[in-house]
Amino acid sequence: METYLKKNLDFSKTITGRYIEKYGYPDVLAKIDNIISELAQNLDLNEYQDMGNQVYIHKSVKLDPSAKVIGPCLIEEGTEIRVGAFLRGKVIIGKNCVIGNSTEIKNSILFDEVKVPHFNYIGDSILGYKVHFGAGSLTSNVKSDETLVKLTIAGKTYQTNRKKIGAIVGNKVEIGCNAVLTPGAIIGANSTIYPLTMVRGEIEPNKIVKSMNNIVSKE
């Protein structure tokens, strides 16, 4: 997993890079509240607003009045939180991101310049640098039978001992409209997922996923 993280995520594009390296995935998901508490101790309050209830928002953030933010939550500079967005707690959002209309996020880390702009759900997930989700696409974070989620990486299966695991999405991945990433999905950097596609397991970097039976390499 450590090799995957270094290969597919640019840790210079997130305030959480050293923590992801320290704890690894998916263990870092259980530490997000602690990470926010530690980061908050070093925030410049001339630049960030302490909104109470462990909510820290950079003063440059565009926060629509209709958005709901529950702590602990940290939102970095230049990000836009649009109409009806719902941040349910244990959320870290990087620089220059777009959290859009009716998008819901919980227990997740978003690297810089991530865009989830229209009716998206992101739960128990990590989205790498410049990831973009099309309208209605989402991460599913609980299996239908509610059993523990397993991860498959390079053909090897790992037990997470967690019932709730979303996806880990590498840098510059494009997710098409109304696509679904099933629990434990792993998407390699620079890949493209077609609209209406259900993605299960691991997708290697630089792939085009037209369906799970039709995956081709980018030229």
Protein backbone atom coordinates (compact mmCIF):
# COMPACT_ATOMS: atom_id res chain seq x y z
CA MET A 1 0.00 0.00 0.00
CA GLU A 2 2.87 2.39 0.78
CA THR A 3 4.19 1.92 -2.77
CA TYR A 4 0.74 2.64 -4.19
CA LEU A 5 0.39 5.84 -2.17
CA LYS A 6 3.75 7.24 -3.27
CA LYS A 7 3.12 6.27 -6.88
CA ASN A 8 -0.39 7.69 -7.21
CA LEU A 9 -0.63 10.60 -4.76
CA ASP A 10 1.40 13.82 -4.64
CA PHE A 11 1.86 14.49 -0.92
CA SER A 12 3.10 18.02 -1.65
CA LYS A 13 -0.47 18.83 -2.74
CA THR A 14 -2.10 18.31 0.66
CA ILE A 15 -1.59 19.60 4.19
CA THR A 16 -2.07 15.99 5.35
CA GLY A 17 0.76 14.37 3.40
CA ARG A 18 2.96 13.48 6.35
CA TYR A 19 0.00 12.01 8.21
CA ILE A 20 -1.03 9.76 5.33
CA GLU A 21 2.55 8.54 5.10
CA LYS A 22 2.66 7.99 8.87
CA TYR A 23 -0.62 6.12 9.30
CA GLY A 24 -1.14 4.67 5.82
CA TYR A 25 -4.42 3.92 4.12
CA PRO A 26 -7.05 3.16 5.31
CA ASP A 27 -5.85 3.65 8.93
CA VAL A 28 -5.51 7.40 8.38
CA LEU A 29 -9.30 7.63 8.01
CA ALA A 30 -9.68 6.81 11.71
CA LYS A 31 -7.28 9.65 12.61
CA ILE A 32 -8.83 12.60 10.77
CA ASP A 33 -10.23 14.25 13.90
CA ASN A 34 -6.83 13.97 15.60
CA ILE A 35 -5.09 15.34 12.52
CA ILE A 36 -7.37 18.37 12.46
CA SER A 37 -6.74 19.01 16.15
CA GLU A 38 -2.98 18.88 15.60
CA LEU A 39 -3.06 21.06 12.49
CA ALA A 40 -5.26 23.62 14.26
CA GLN A 41 -2.54 24.25 16.83
CA ASN A 42 -0.32 25.74 14.11
CA LEU A 43 -2.88 27.65 12.05
CA ASP A 44 -2.36 31.39 11.59
CA LEU A 45 -5.60 32.86 12.94
CA ASN A 46 -4.89 36.00 10.92
CA GLU A 47 -5.60 33.81 7.90
CA TYR A 48 -8.11 31.28 9.29
CA GLN A 49 -11.41 31.73 11.04
CA ASP A 50 -12.04 29.59 14.10
CA MET A 51 -15.78 29.01 13.70
CA GLY A 52 -16.11 26.99 16.91
CA ASN A 53 -16.78 23.26 17.27
CA GLN A 54 -13.41 22.51 15.64
CA VAL A 55 -14.29 24.17 12.34
CA TYR A 56 -11.40 26.09 10.77
CA ILE A 57 -11.96 27.92 7.49
CA HIS A 58 -9.44 30.04 5.60
CA LYS A 59 -10.66 33.61 5.22
CA SER A 60 -10.40 33.39 1.42
CA VAL A 61 -12.92 30.52 1.26
CA LYS A 62 -16.22 31.30 -0.47
CA LEU A 63 -18.80 29.72 1.83
CA ASP A 64 -22.41 29.88 0.67
CA PRO A 65 -24.79 30.71 3.54
CA SER A 66 -26.86 27.61 2.74
CA ALA A 67 -23.90 25.24 3.24
CA LYS A 68 -23.75 23.19 6.46
CA VAL A 69 -20.36 22.55 8.07
CA ILE A 70 -20.01 20.23 11.09
CA GLY A 71 -16.72 19.90 12.92
CA PRO A 72 -14.11 18.76 13.07
CA CYS A 73 -13.40 20.31 9.67
CA LEU A 74 -10.52 22.19 8.04
CA ILE A 75 -10.92 24.07 4.74
CA GLU A 76 -7.89 25.62 3.09
CA GLU A 77 -7.48 28.75 1.02
CA GLY A 78 -9.19 29.50 -2.27
CA THR A 79 -11.83 26.80 -1.92
CA GLU A 80 -15.48 27.37 -2.84
CA ILE A 81 -18.30 25.73 -0.89
CA ARG A 82 -21.48 26.11 -2.94
CA VAL A 83 -25.23 26.00 -2.38
CA GLY A 84 -26.48 23.23 -0.11
CA ALA A 85 -23.13 21.53 0.45
CA PHE A 86 -23.05 19.35 3.59
CA LEU A 87 -19.74 18.66 5.33
CA ARG A 88 -20.62 16.12 8.01
CA GLY A 89 -17.46 16.21 10.09
CA LYS A 90 -13.92 14.76 10.01
CA VAL A 91 -13.29 16.47 6.68
CA ILE A 92 -10.08 18.10 5.41
CA ILE A 93 -10.38 20.05 2.16
CA GLY A 94 -7.30 21.36 0.37
CA LYS A 95 -6.57 24.53 -1.55
CA ASN A 96 -8.64 25.77 -4.50
CA CYS A 97 -11.22 22.99 -4.33
CA VAL A 98 -14.87 23.18 -5.41
CA ILE A 99 -17.51 21.55 -3.22
CA GLY A 100 -20.70 21.98 -5.15
CA ASN A 101 -24.45 21.98 -5.13
CA SER A 102 -25.85 19.45 -2.64
CA THR A 103 -22.55 17.58 -2.35
CA GLU A 104 -22.10 15.65 0.91
CA ILE A 105 -18.71 14.75 2.40
CA LYS A 106 -17.83 12.88 5.60
CA ASN A 107 -14.66 11.46 7.11
CA SER A 108 -12.55 12.19 4.03
CA ILE A 109 -9.41 13.97 2.86
CA LEU A 110 -9.44 15.99 -0.35
CA PHE A 111 -6.12 17.10 -1.81
CA ASP A 112 -5.66 20.49 -3.51
CA GLU A 113 -7.79 21.42 -6.55
CA VAL A 114 -10.31 18.61 -6.16
CA LYS A 115 -13.69 19.30 -7.76
CA VAL A 116 -16.87 17.58 -6.60
CA PRO A 117 -19.27 20.19 -7.95
CA HIS A 118 -22.70 18.61 -8.47
CA PHE A 119 -24.72 16.19 -6.31
CA ASN A 120 -21.76 14.06 -5.20
CA TYR A 121 -21.29 11.88 -2.11
CA ILE A 122 -17.77 11.35 -0.74
CA GLY A 123 -17.52 9.14 2.34
CA ASP A 124 -14.50 7.58 4.08
CA SER A 125 -12.31 8.36 1.09
CA ILE A 126 -9.13 10.07 -0.09
CA LEU A 127 -9.23 12.09 -3.32
CA GLY A 128 -5.87 13.01 -4.80
CA TYR A 129 -4.66 16.18 -6.49
CA LYS A 130 -6.96 17.53 -9.23
CA VAL A 131 -9.48 14.70 -9.00
CA HIS A 132 -12.77 15.63 -10.68
CA PHE A 133 -16.14 13.96 -10.13
CA GLY A 134 -18.90 14.43 -12.71
CA ALA A 135 -22.45 15.24 -11.67
CA GLY A 136 -24.06 12.56 -9.51
CA SER A 137 -20.96 10.37 -9.20
CA LEU A 138 -20.18 9.04 -5.72
CA THR A 139 -18.20 6.80 -3.44
CA SER A 140 -20.15 3.95 -1.86
CA ASN A 141 -18.68 3.25 1.57
CA VAL A 142 -20.70 0.33 2.98
CA LYS A 143 -21.22 -3.08 1.37
CA SER A 144 -24.81 -4.20 0.89
CA ASP A 145 -24.31 -7.08 3.35
CA GLU A 146 -22.46 -4.77 5.77
CA THR A 147 -19.47 -7.10 6.05
CA LEU A 148 -15.96 -5.76 6.51
CA VAL A 149 -14.37 -4.17 3.46
CA LYS A 150 -11.34 -5.76 1.82
CA LEU A 151 -8.78 -4.03 -0.41
CA THR A 152 -7.13 -5.62 -3.42
CA ILE A 153 -3.79 -4.19 -4.53
CA ALA A 154 -1.57 -5.78 -7.17
CA GLY A 155 -3.55 -8.99 -6.83
CA LYS A 156 -3.11 -9.19 -3.06
CA THR A 157 -6.12 -8.89 -0.72
CA TYR A 158 -5.97 -6.97 2.55
CA GLN A 159 -8.54 -7.03 5.35
CA THR A 160 -9.27 -3.52 6.63
CA ASN A 161 -11.30 -4.56 9.68
CA ARG A 162 -13.57 -1.62 8.84
CA LYS A 163 -17.18 -1.70 7.73
CA LYS A 164 -17.00 1.76 6.19
CA ILE A 165 -14.40 2.34 3.48
CA GLY A 166 -14.99 4.44 0.40
CA ALA A 167 -12.38 4.90 -2.31
CA ILE A 168 -8.83 6.08 -2.73
CA VAL A 169 -8.50 8.04 -5.96
CA GLY A 170 -5.12 8.96 -7.44
CA ASN A 171 -4.01 12.28 -8.87
CA LYS A 172 -5.85 13.76 -11.87
CA VAL A 173 -8.49 11.05 -12.12
CA GLU A 174 -11.67 11.95 -14.02
CA ILE A 175 -14.87 10.30 -12.82
CA GLY A 176 -17.80 10.48 -15.27
CA CYS A 177 -21.34 11.48 -14.37
CA ASN A 178 -23.34 9.02 -12.23
CA ALA A 179 -20.43 6.63 -11.80
CA VAL A 180 -20.23 4.63 -8.57
CA LEU A 181 -17.00 3.65 -6.83
CA THR A 182 -17.83 0.62 -4.67
CA PRO A 183 -16.42 0.15 -1.13
CA GLY A 184 -12.65 -0.26 -1.22
CA ALA A 185 -12.24 0.85 -4.83
CA ILE A 186 -8.73 2.00 -5.73
CA ILE A 187 -8.25 4.19 -8.81
CA GLY A 188 -4.74 4.75 -10.16
CA ALA A 189 -3.52 8.20 -11.15
CA ASN A 190 -4.49 9.77 -14.50
CA SER A 191 -7.28 7.28 -15.13
CA THR A 192 -10.69 8.08 -16.59
CA ILE A 193 -13.94 6.43 -15.54
CA TYR A 194 -16.79 6.57 -18.05
CA PRO A 195 -20.22 7.84 -17.00
CA LEU A 196 -22.65 5.32 -15.45
CA THR A 197 -19.80 2.92 -14.66
CA MET A 198 -19.63 0.85 -11.48
CA VAL A 199 -16.00 0.42 -10.41
CA ARG A 200 -14.92 -2.43 -8.16
CA GLY A 201 -11.45 -3.31 -6.86
CA GLU A 202 -8.24 -1.82 -8.23
CA ILE A 203 -7.82 0.16 -11.45
CA GLU A 204 -4.22 0.64 -12.50
CA PRO A 205 -2.87 4.10 -13.41
CA ASN A 206 -3.44 5.57 -16.87
CA LYS A 207 -6.47 3.47 -17.73
CA ILE A 208 -9.79 4.25 -19.38
CA VAL A 209 -12.62 2.33 -17.74
CA LYS A 210 -15.56 2.05 -20.14
CA SER A 211 -16.96 -0.79 -18.02
CA MET A 212 -15.36 -3.37 -15.74
CA ASN A 213 -15.22 -5.66 -18.78
CA ASN A 214 -13.75 -3.00 -21.04
CA ILE A 215 -10.63 -1.35 -19.60
CA VAL A 216 -7.98 0.04 -21.96
CA SER A 217 -4.69 1.86 -21.51
CA LYS A 218 -4.34 5.52 -22.36
CA GLU A 219 -2.06 6.20 -25.29
